[in-house]
N, C-alpha and C. Protein backbone atom coordinates (compact mmCIF):
# COMPACT_ATOMS: atom_id res chain seq x y z
N MET A 1 -23.00 -44.95 5.93
CA MET A 1 -21.39 -43.52 5.98
C MET A 1 -22.19 -42.91 6.42
N SER A 2 -22.04 -42.42 7.27
CA SER A 2 -22.08 -41.91 9.03
C SER A 2 -22.11 -40.11 8.41
N LYS A 3 -23.28 -38.58 8.98
CA LYS A 3 -23.04 -37.20 8.25
C LYS A 3 -22.12 -37.06 8.77
N PHE A 4 -20.99 -37.99 10.03
CA PHE A 4 -19.79 -37.03 9.91
C PHE A 4 -18.54 -37.10 9.04
N LEU A 5 -18.76 -38.34 8.90
CA LEU A 5 -17.27 -38.32 7.57
C LEU A 5 -17.92 -38.14 6.21
N ALA A 6 -19.28 -37.97 6.25
CA ALA A 6 -19.53 -37.33 4.80
C ALA A 6 -19.17 -35.89 4.80
N ALA A 7 -19.86 -35.13 6.15
CA ALA A 7 -19.00 -34.23 6.18
C ALA A 7 -17.49 -33.65 6.24
N VAL A 8 -16.68 -34.55 6.42
CA VAL A 8 -15.14 -34.61 6.72
C VAL A 8 -14.70 -34.57 4.61
N ILE A 9 -15.09 -35.62 3.78
CA ILE A 9 -15.22 -36.14 2.76
C ILE A 9 -15.58 -34.49 2.37
N ALA A 10 -16.79 -33.58 2.24
CA ALA A 10 -17.47 -33.29 1.43
C ALA A 10 -16.16 -31.85 1.88
N GLY A 11 -15.29 -31.20 3.10
CA GLY A 11 -14.78 -30.33 3.43
C GLY A 11 -13.30 -30.94 2.56
N ALA A 12 -12.59 -31.39 2.39
CA ALA A 12 -12.08 -32.09 2.04
C ALA A 12 -11.53 -31.72 0.55
N SER A 13 -12.86 -32.34 -0.25
CA SER A 13 -13.10 -31.88 -1.73
C SER A 13 -13.32 -29.90 -1.57
N MET A 14 -13.55 -29.71 -0.83
CA MET A 14 -13.73 -28.58 -1.40
C MET A 14 -12.04 -27.76 -1.21
N VAL A 15 -11.85 -28.38 -0.19
CA VAL A 15 -10.65 -27.84 0.37
C VAL A 15 -9.55 -27.64 -1.82
N ALA A 16 -9.63 -29.08 -1.78
CA ALA A 16 -8.54 -29.30 -2.85
C ALA A 16 -9.16 -28.87 -4.11
N VAL A 17 -10.88 -28.48 -4.61
CA VAL A 17 -10.99 -27.39 -5.39
C VAL A 17 -10.06 -25.89 -4.92
N SER A 18 -10.33 -25.67 -3.94
CA SER A 18 -10.00 -24.04 -3.84
C SER A 18 -8.40 -23.82 -3.22
N ALA A 19 -7.84 -25.25 -3.30
CA ALA A 19 -6.16 -24.72 -3.34
C ALA A 19 -5.52 -25.19 -4.95
N GLY A 20 -6.89 -25.38 -5.47
CA GLY A 20 -6.85 -26.08 -7.35
C GLY A 20 -6.77 -24.34 -8.27
N ALA A 21 -7.74 -23.18 -7.54
CA ALA A 21 -7.96 -22.63 -8.31
C ALA A 21 -6.92 -21.65 -8.32
N PRO A 22 -6.83 -20.98 -10.00
CA PRO A 22 -5.67 -19.74 -10.15
C PRO A 22 -5.46 -18.59 -8.97
N ALA A 23 -4.44 -18.09 -9.13
CA ALA A 23 -4.50 -16.91 -8.42
C ALA A 23 -5.20 -16.15 -9.23
N GLN A 24 -6.03 -14.66 -8.20
CA GLN A 24 -6.67 -13.91 -9.54
C GLN A 24 -5.34 -13.08 -10.93
N GLN A 25 -5.89 -12.44 -11.73
CA GLN A 25 -5.59 -12.57 -13.37
C GLN A 25 -6.01 -10.67 -13.41
N LEU A 26 -5.36 -10.08 -13.36
CA LEU A 26 -4.89 -8.89 -13.55
C LEU A 26 -5.09 -8.25 -15.17
N PRO A 27 -5.68 -7.95 -14.90
CA PRO A 27 -5.71 -7.17 -16.42
C PRO A 27 -4.37 -6.85 -17.09
N LYS A 28 -3.68 -6.54 -18.47
CA LYS A 28 -2.65 -6.38 -18.94
C LYS A 28 -2.44 -4.40 -18.47
N SER A 29 -3.51 -3.98 -18.67
CA SER A 29 -3.13 -2.67 -18.03
C SER A 29 -4.26 -2.38 -17.22
N GLY A 30 -3.82 -1.03 -16.25
CA GLY A 30 -5.98 -0.40 -15.94
C GLY A 30 -5.03 0.63 -14.71
N SER A 31 -5.94 0.53 -13.78
CA SER A 31 -5.48 1.33 -12.55
C SER A 31 -6.54 0.63 -11.40
N ILE A 32 -5.10 0.97 -9.50
CA ILE A 32 -6.05 0.99 -8.89
C ILE A 32 -6.19 1.51 -7.95
N ASN A 33 -7.29 1.90 -7.60
CA ASN A 33 -8.12 2.97 -6.59
C ASN A 33 -7.64 2.18 -5.51
N PHE A 34 -6.74 2.90 -4.75
CA PHE A 34 -7.46 1.84 -3.29
C PHE A 34 -7.34 3.08 -2.14
N HIS A 35 -7.05 3.25 -0.91
CA HIS A 35 -6.72 4.01 0.40
C HIS A 35 -6.53 2.89 1.55
N THR A 36 -5.33 3.95 2.50
CA THR A 36 -4.79 3.32 3.23
C THR A 36 -4.49 3.63 4.67
N GLY A 37 -4.50 2.86 5.40
CA GLY A 37 -5.02 3.85 7.09
C GLY A 37 -3.26 2.52 7.85
N TRP A 38 -2.70 4.30 7.69
CA TRP A 38 -1.67 4.05 8.72
C TRP A 38 -1.31 4.66 9.70
N LYS A 39 -0.25 4.01 10.20
CA LYS A 39 0.53 4.83 11.50
C LYS A 39 1.47 5.34 11.32
N ASP A 40 2.60 6.07 11.29
CA ASP A 40 3.60 7.13 11.25
C ASP A 40 3.81 7.14 12.36
N THR A 41 6.11 6.73 12.26
CA THR A 41 6.32 7.04 13.48
C THR A 41 7.32 7.95 12.97
N ALA A 42 7.61 8.73 12.74
CA ALA A 42 8.54 10.24 12.00
C ALA A 42 9.59 10.64 13.33
N ASP A 43 10.55 10.64 13.38
CA ASP A 43 11.27 10.81 13.55
C ASP A 43 12.50 12.20 13.41
N ALA A 44 12.22 13.76 13.87
CA ALA A 44 12.56 14.72 13.49
C ALA A 44 13.78 15.48 14.45
N ASN A 45 14.16 16.16 13.58
CA ASN A 45 15.08 17.16 14.89
C ASN A 45 14.89 18.46 13.89
N GLU A 46 14.57 19.03 14.20
CA GLU A 46 15.10 20.74 14.71
C GLU A 46 16.03 20.80 14.57
N VAL A 47 16.40 21.42 12.92
CA VAL A 47 18.32 21.57 12.53
C VAL A 47 19.02 23.15 13.06
N ALA A 48 17.32 24.21 12.28
CA ALA A 48 17.34 25.68 12.14
C ALA A 48 16.09 26.03 12.80
N PRO A 49 16.12 27.20 13.94
CA PRO A 49 14.35 27.42 13.95
C PRO A 49 13.64 27.63 12.75
N ASN A 50 12.75 26.56 12.90
CA ASN A 50 11.40 25.86 12.37
C ASN A 50 11.58 25.37 10.93
N ARG A 51 12.63 24.68 10.90
CA ARG A 51 13.76 23.81 10.22
C ARG A 51 13.38 22.78 10.62
N TYR A 52 13.02 21.49 10.35
CA TYR A 52 12.28 20.29 10.34
C TYR A 52 13.13 19.20 9.53
N GLN A 53 14.10 18.37 10.02
CA GLN A 53 14.55 17.25 8.49
C GLN A 53 14.48 15.88 9.62
N GLY A 54 14.35 15.12 9.55
CA GLY A 54 14.13 13.61 9.43
C GLY A 54 13.70 12.87 8.57
N GLN A 55 13.41 11.62 9.43
CA GLN A 55 12.81 10.43 8.33
C GLN A 55 11.74 9.77 9.32
N ASP A 56 10.79 9.06 7.99
CA ASP A 56 9.72 8.10 8.69
C ASP A 56 8.96 7.03 8.70
N ARG A 57 8.56 5.93 9.12
CA ARG A 57 8.53 4.49 8.50
C ARG A 57 6.99 4.96 9.08
N VAL A 58 6.40 4.07 7.46
CA VAL A 58 4.06 4.20 8.26
C VAL A 58 3.82 2.88 7.29
N VAL A 59 3.45 2.12 8.14
CA VAL A 59 2.69 0.89 8.35
C VAL A 59 0.84 0.88 8.90
N GLY A 60 0.49 -0.53 7.57
CA GLY A 60 -0.58 0.72 7.70
C GLY A 60 -1.00 -0.93 6.68
N THR A 61 -2.64 -0.81 6.47
CA THR A 61 -3.19 -1.85 5.32
C THR A 61 -3.69 -1.07 4.02
N THR A 62 -4.02 -1.73 3.13
CA THR A 62 -4.70 -1.19 1.76
C THR A 62 -6.05 -1.72 2.09
N PHE A 63 -6.68 -0.85 1.37
CA PHE A 63 -7.82 -2.06 0.85
C PHE A 63 -8.48 -0.89 -0.43
N ASN A 64 -8.88 -1.82 -1.49
CA ASN A 64 -9.27 -1.62 -3.10
C ASN A 64 -10.85 -0.68 -2.44
N ASP A 65 -10.82 0.06 -3.32
CA ASP A 65 -11.58 1.30 -3.29
C ASP A 65 -13.02 -0.03 -3.50
N LYS A 66 -12.74 -1.03 -4.63
CA LYS A 66 -14.05 -1.79 -5.07
C LYS A 66 -14.56 -2.16 -3.54
N GLY A 67 -13.60 -3.22 -2.49
CA GLY A 67 -14.02 -3.89 -1.66
C GLY A 67 -13.34 -4.99 -1.92
N SER A 68 -13.29 -5.26 -2.92
CA SER A 68 -12.47 -6.56 -3.38
C SER A 68 -10.96 -6.66 -4.72
N GLY A 69 -10.72 -7.19 -4.63
CA GLY A 69 -9.56 -7.24 -5.66
C GLY A 69 -8.22 -6.47 -5.51
N PRO A 70 -6.99 -6.10 -6.35
CA PRO A 70 -5.96 -5.68 -5.69
C PRO A 70 -5.19 -5.54 -4.73
N LEU A 71 -5.07 -5.20 -4.08
CA LEU A 71 -3.81 -5.25 -2.73
C LEU A 71 -5.30 -5.26 -1.49
N HIS A 72 -6.55 -4.99 -1.49
CA HIS A 72 -7.69 -5.32 -0.76
C HIS A 72 -7.11 -6.21 0.37
N LEU A 73 -7.29 -6.27 1.77
CA LEU A 73 -6.64 -6.35 2.66
C LEU A 73 -5.52 -6.69 2.90
N GLY A 74 -3.98 -6.11 2.10
CA GLY A 74 -2.61 -6.65 2.15
C GLY A 74 -2.44 -4.94 3.15
N PRO A 75 -0.99 -5.74 2.75
CA PRO A 75 0.28 -4.56 3.81
C PRO A 75 0.78 -3.84 3.19
N ALA A 76 1.15 -2.55 3.89
CA ALA A 76 1.96 -1.22 3.33
C ALA A 76 2.81 -0.76 4.52
N ASN A 77 3.61 -0.62 3.72
CA ASN A 77 4.66 -0.46 4.29
C ASN A 77 5.89 1.19 3.32
N CYS A 78 6.29 2.21 4.08
CA CYS A 78 6.45 2.82 3.37
C CYS A 78 8.47 3.31 4.56
N SER A 79 8.55 4.05 3.98
CA SER A 79 9.80 4.74 5.08
C SER A 79 10.45 5.88 3.48
N GLY A 80 10.81 6.76 4.26
CA GLY A 80 11.22 8.12 3.47
C GLY A 80 11.94 9.04 4.61
N ALA A 81 12.44 9.88 3.97
CA ALA A 81 13.08 10.90 4.60
C ALA A 81 12.65 12.50 4.73
N PHE A 82 12.32 13.26 5.03
CA PHE A 82 11.87 14.62 4.53
C PHE A 82 11.89 15.62 4.60
N VAL A 83 12.14 16.76 4.58
CA VAL A 83 12.72 18.12 4.99
C VAL A 83 11.35 19.33 5.37
N VAL A 84 11.54 19.95 6.91
CA VAL A 84 9.93 20.47 6.63
C VAL A 84 10.29 22.64 7.11
N THR A 85 9.85 23.02 6.74
CA THR A 85 10.74 24.36 6.91
C THR A 85 9.19 25.07 6.75
N ASP A 86 9.08 25.70 7.93
CA ASP A 86 7.66 26.72 8.71
C ASP A 86 6.52 25.43 8.09
N GLY A 87 6.75 23.96 8.57
CA GLY A 87 5.64 23.36 8.02
C GLY A 87 5.36 23.02 6.51
N SER A 88 5.83 22.81 5.92
CA SER A 88 5.90 22.89 4.50
C SER A 88 7.66 22.06 4.36
N GLY A 89 7.28 21.22 3.50
CA GLY A 89 8.39 20.68 2.13
C GLY A 89 8.47 19.70 1.49
N PRO A 90 9.27 19.27 1.31
CA PRO A 90 9.22 17.79 0.35
C PRO A 90 9.85 16.83 1.40
N ASN A 91 9.26 15.52 0.48
CA ASN A 91 9.35 14.70 1.50
C ASN A 91 9.33 13.20 0.01
N LYS A 92 10.81 12.50 0.61
CA LYS A 92 10.66 10.80 -0.66
C LYS A 92 11.08 9.17 0.29
N GLY A 93 11.65 8.92 -0.59
CA GLY A 93 10.76 7.74 -0.12
C GLY A 93 10.86 6.03 -0.82
N TYR A 94 10.17 4.71 -0.34
CA TYR A 94 9.94 3.74 -0.89
C TYR A 94 8.66 2.91 -0.21
N CYS A 95 8.32 2.33 -1.11
CA CYS A 95 7.02 1.94 -0.58
C CYS A 95 6.58 0.39 -0.73
N ALA A 96 6.66 -0.25 0.08
CA ALA A 96 5.47 -2.05 -0.46
C ALA A 96 4.38 -1.89 0.17
N PHE A 97 3.52 -2.02 -1.16
CA PHE A 97 2.33 -2.44 -1.03
C PHE A 97 1.93 -3.89 -1.46
N GLY A 98 1.07 -4.86 -0.66
CA GLY A 98 0.51 -6.24 -1.08
C GLY A 98 -0.71 -7.03 -0.58
N ASP A 99 -1.01 -7.84 -0.74
CA ASP A 99 -1.75 -8.75 -1.38
C ASP A 99 -2.37 -10.17 -0.75
N PRO A 100 -3.03 -10.58 0.29
CA PRO A 100 -2.51 -11.17 1.45
C PRO A 100 -1.80 -12.16 1.20
N ASP A 101 -1.71 -12.55 -0.25
CA ASP A 101 -0.73 -13.60 -0.69
C ASP A 101 -0.18 -13.38 -0.71
N GLY A 102 0.81 -12.37 -0.34
CA GLY A 102 1.91 -12.18 -0.48
C GLY A 102 2.80 -11.78 -0.92
N ASP A 103 2.15 -11.08 -2.67
CA ASP A 103 2.95 -10.68 -3.92
C ASP A 103 2.19 -9.05 -3.84
N ARG A 104 3.71 -8.55 -4.56
CA ARG A 104 3.79 -6.91 -3.29
C ARG A 104 4.38 -6.51 -4.86
N ILE A 105 4.35 -5.12 -4.93
CA ILE A 105 4.09 -3.82 -5.46
C ILE A 105 5.19 -3.21 -4.55
N PHE A 106 6.01 -2.60 -5.70
CA PHE A 106 6.78 -1.77 -4.90
C PHE A 106 7.07 -0.26 -5.41
N THR A 107 7.04 0.84 -4.92
CA THR A 107 7.50 2.43 -5.17
C THR A 107 7.95 2.99 -5.00
N ASP A 108 8.71 3.86 -5.72
CA ASP A 108 9.31 4.79 -5.01
C ASP A 108 8.24 6.24 -5.06
N PHE A 109 8.63 6.87 -4.03
CA PHE A 109 7.66 7.80 -4.21
C PHE A 109 8.38 9.63 -3.58
N THR A 110 7.73 10.69 -3.74
CA THR A 110 8.11 12.02 -4.23
C THR A 110 6.45 12.89 -3.44
N GLY A 111 7.42 13.34 -2.53
CA GLY A 111 5.93 14.45 -2.41
C GLY A 111 6.50 15.76 -1.51
N ASN A 112 5.06 16.10 -1.64
CA ASN A 112 4.97 17.50 -0.06
C ASN A 112 4.52 17.58 0.87
N ILE A 113 4.66 17.63 2.26
CA ILE A 113 4.13 17.90 3.05
C ILE A 113 3.49 19.62 3.67
N THR A 114 2.63 19.30 3.15
CA THR A 114 1.81 20.66 3.66
C THR A 114 0.92 20.67 5.64
N PRO A 115 1.10 21.69 6.09
CA PRO A 115 0.30 21.76 7.28
C PRO A 115 -0.96 20.97 7.42
N THR A 116 -1.84 20.98 6.14
CA THR A 116 -2.73 19.85 6.38
C THR A 116 -2.61 18.49 5.95
N GLY A 117 -1.08 18.43 5.20
CA GLY A 117 -1.46 16.83 5.24
C GLY A 117 -0.20 16.54 4.13
N ALA A 118 -0.31 16.21 3.18
CA ALA A 118 0.95 15.69 2.25
C ALA A 118 0.31 14.98 0.99
N GLU A 119 1.39 15.35 -0.33
CA GLU A 119 0.46 14.59 -0.83
C GLU A 119 1.65 14.66 -2.07
N GLY A 120 2.01 13.54 -3.10
CA GLY A 120 2.76 13.50 -4.54
C GLY A 120 2.64 12.17 -5.67
N THR A 121 3.40 11.65 -5.81
CA THR A 121 4.04 10.14 -7.18
C THR A 121 4.29 9.07 -6.55
N ASN A 122 3.58 8.65 -6.48
CA ASN A 122 3.61 6.41 -7.00
C ASN A 122 5.02 6.45 -8.09
N VAL A 123 6.23 6.05 -8.23
CA VAL A 123 6.42 5.30 -9.36
C VAL A 123 6.37 3.79 -8.84
N ILE A 124 6.45 3.14 -9.83
CA ILE A 124 6.12 1.01 -9.66
C ILE A 124 7.19 0.84 -9.74
N SER A 125 8.42 1.02 -8.99
CA SER A 125 9.94 0.14 -9.46
C SER A 125 9.94 -1.56 -9.08
N GLY A 126 8.91 -1.93 -9.08
CA GLY A 126 8.84 -3.57 -9.39
C GLY A 126 7.43 -4.10 -8.70
N GLY A 127 7.59 -5.35 -8.51
CA GLY A 127 6.50 -6.48 -8.24
C GLY A 127 7.17 -8.16 -8.19
N THR A 128 6.23 -8.48 -7.29
CA THR A 128 6.25 -10.07 -7.42
C THR A 128 4.78 -10.87 -7.33
N GLY A 129 5.27 -11.88 -7.84
CA GLY A 129 4.10 -12.80 -7.98
C GLY A 129 3.62 -12.12 -9.01
N LYS A 130 1.93 -12.28 -9.37
CA LYS A 130 1.50 -12.07 -10.43
C LYS A 130 1.53 -10.12 -10.56
N TYR A 131 2.17 -9.47 -9.89
CA TYR A 131 2.79 -7.93 -10.63
C TYR A 131 3.83 -7.95 -10.67
N ALA A 132 4.75 -9.54 -11.07
CA ALA A 132 6.01 -9.25 -11.73
C ALA A 132 5.85 -8.55 -13.50
N GLY A 133 7.13 -7.58 -13.00
CA GLY A 133 7.28 -6.41 -14.26
C GLY A 133 5.99 -5.73 -14.16
N ILE A 134 5.77 -5.56 -13.65
CA ILE A 134 4.53 -4.33 -13.20
C ILE A 134 5.74 -2.84 -13.54
N THR A 135 5.06 -2.08 -14.50
CA THR A 135 5.12 -0.88 -14.35
C THR A 135 4.37 0.43 -13.89
N GLY A 136 4.23 1.62 -13.59
CA GLY A 136 3.70 2.54 -13.74
C GLY A 136 3.38 3.50 -12.84
N SER A 137 2.07 3.89 -12.50
CA SER A 137 2.76 5.52 -11.26
C SER A 137 1.25 5.96 -11.07
N GLY A 138 1.48 6.97 -10.25
CA GLY A 138 0.02 7.52 -9.46
C GLY A 138 0.35 7.90 -8.42
N PRO A 139 -1.41 8.73 -8.83
CA PRO A 139 -0.19 9.86 -7.52
C PRO A 139 -1.38 9.50 -5.78
N TRP A 140 -1.07 9.76 -4.94
CA TRP A 140 -1.54 10.09 -3.34
C TRP A 140 -1.39 11.26 -3.15
N LYS A 141 -2.28 11.20 -2.07
CA LYS A 141 -3.29 11.84 -0.77
C LYS A 141 -3.09 12.09 0.30
N CYS A 142 -2.43 11.98 1.47
CA CYS A 142 -2.81 12.27 2.54
C CYS A 142 -3.48 13.26 3.61
N LYS A 143 -3.93 12.63 5.13
CA LYS A 143 -4.24 13.58 5.93
C LYS A 143 -3.82 12.91 7.19
N GLY A 144 -3.86 13.86 8.16
CA GLY A 144 -4.31 12.92 9.53
C GLY A 144 -5.09 12.88 10.05
N SER A 145 -5.81 11.68 10.83
CA SER A 145 -6.34 11.36 11.47
C SER A 145 -6.59 10.85 12.99
N GLY A 146 -5.93 11.68 13.61
CA GLY A 146 -5.91 11.15 15.04
C GLY A 146 -4.33 11.96 15.34
N LYS A 147 -3.62 11.46 16.55
CA LYS A 147 -2.68 13.01 17.34
C LYS A 147 -1.89 12.22 17.35
N ASN A 148 -1.87 10.61 17.06
CA ASN A 148 -0.35 10.14 17.25
C ASN A 148 -0.09 9.61 15.88
N GLY A 149 0.02 9.58 14.64
CA GLY A 149 0.73 9.22 13.93
C GLY A 149 0.25 8.85 13.00
N GLU A 150 -2.06 8.28 13.40
CA GLU A 150 -2.63 7.65 12.62
C GLU A 150 -2.86 9.16 11.33
N LEU A 151 -2.88 8.24 10.07
CA LEU A 151 -3.07 8.72 8.70
C LEU A 151 -4.27 7.62 8.33
N GLN A 152 -4.62 8.75 7.05
CA GLN A 152 -5.78 8.45 5.71
C GLN A 152 -4.90 9.07 4.58
N CYS A 153 -4.88 7.88 3.66
CA CYS A 153 -4.68 8.18 1.84
C CYS A 153 -5.16 7.55 0.64
N THR A 154 -5.33 8.60 -0.05
CA THR A 154 -5.46 8.15 -0.78
C THR A 154 -5.27 7.63 -1.95
N GLN A 155 -4.90 6.81 -3.08
CA GLN A 155 -4.08 5.86 -3.76
C GLN A 155 -4.33 5.58 -5.01
N ARG A 156 -3.76 5.81 -6.14
CA ARG A 156 -4.61 4.61 -7.52
C ARG A 156 -3.21 4.80 -8.44
N PHE A 157 -2.64 3.68 -9.09
CA PHE A 157 -1.90 3.04 -9.72
C PHE A 157 -2.04 2.78 -10.63
N ASP A 158 -1.37 3.44 -11.63
CA ASP A 158 -1.93 3.46 -13.12
C ASP A 158 -1.24 2.48 -14.07
N TYR A 159 -1.67 1.04 -14.32
CA TYR A 159 -0.13 0.40 -14.58
C TYR A 159 -0.30 -0.63 -16.03
N LYS A 160 1.34 -1.41 -16.06
CA LYS A 160 1.18 -2.07 -17.17
C LYS A 160 1.56 -3.24 -16.64
N LEU A 161 1.10 -4.47 -17.20
CA LEU A 161 2.21 -5.89 -17.22
C LEU A 161 2.51 -6.53 -18.56
N PRO A 162 3.21 -6.93 -17.95
CA PRO A 162 4.31 -7.36 -19.36
C PRO A 162 3.04 -8.67 -20.57
């Protein structure tokens, strides 16, 4: 048998073994600590002197603080609304955090914007795949990292699965 054919058979065997590997099992409860790099595309209107209201959409990528595991290298998308008076005010909205395999965690968030960043709480509202039935919540905190809507955020989900 040629070396080429042996390599093809070995490669096919590896694909078959990895295709049959089960998805990563998540403990029934715990915490997921992660950070996200975002691009914010806010749209605001000044409705009175020093008072703005608007909406924003942020897209980014999550990184599990352990360097692997839940939500590592997955997509992140949020949309929300805000009111800011003299540089501070409330914001609220919805997020979807995911894994590269397509499983998602959905949240409702509330928070406060300040002149130096924003922070608040995510409440888990559902999930898909390995996150189906997930509940929980956790804090988030963001700060700007550039002049063009770049943000960096730290987050934690304290969760339970059925």
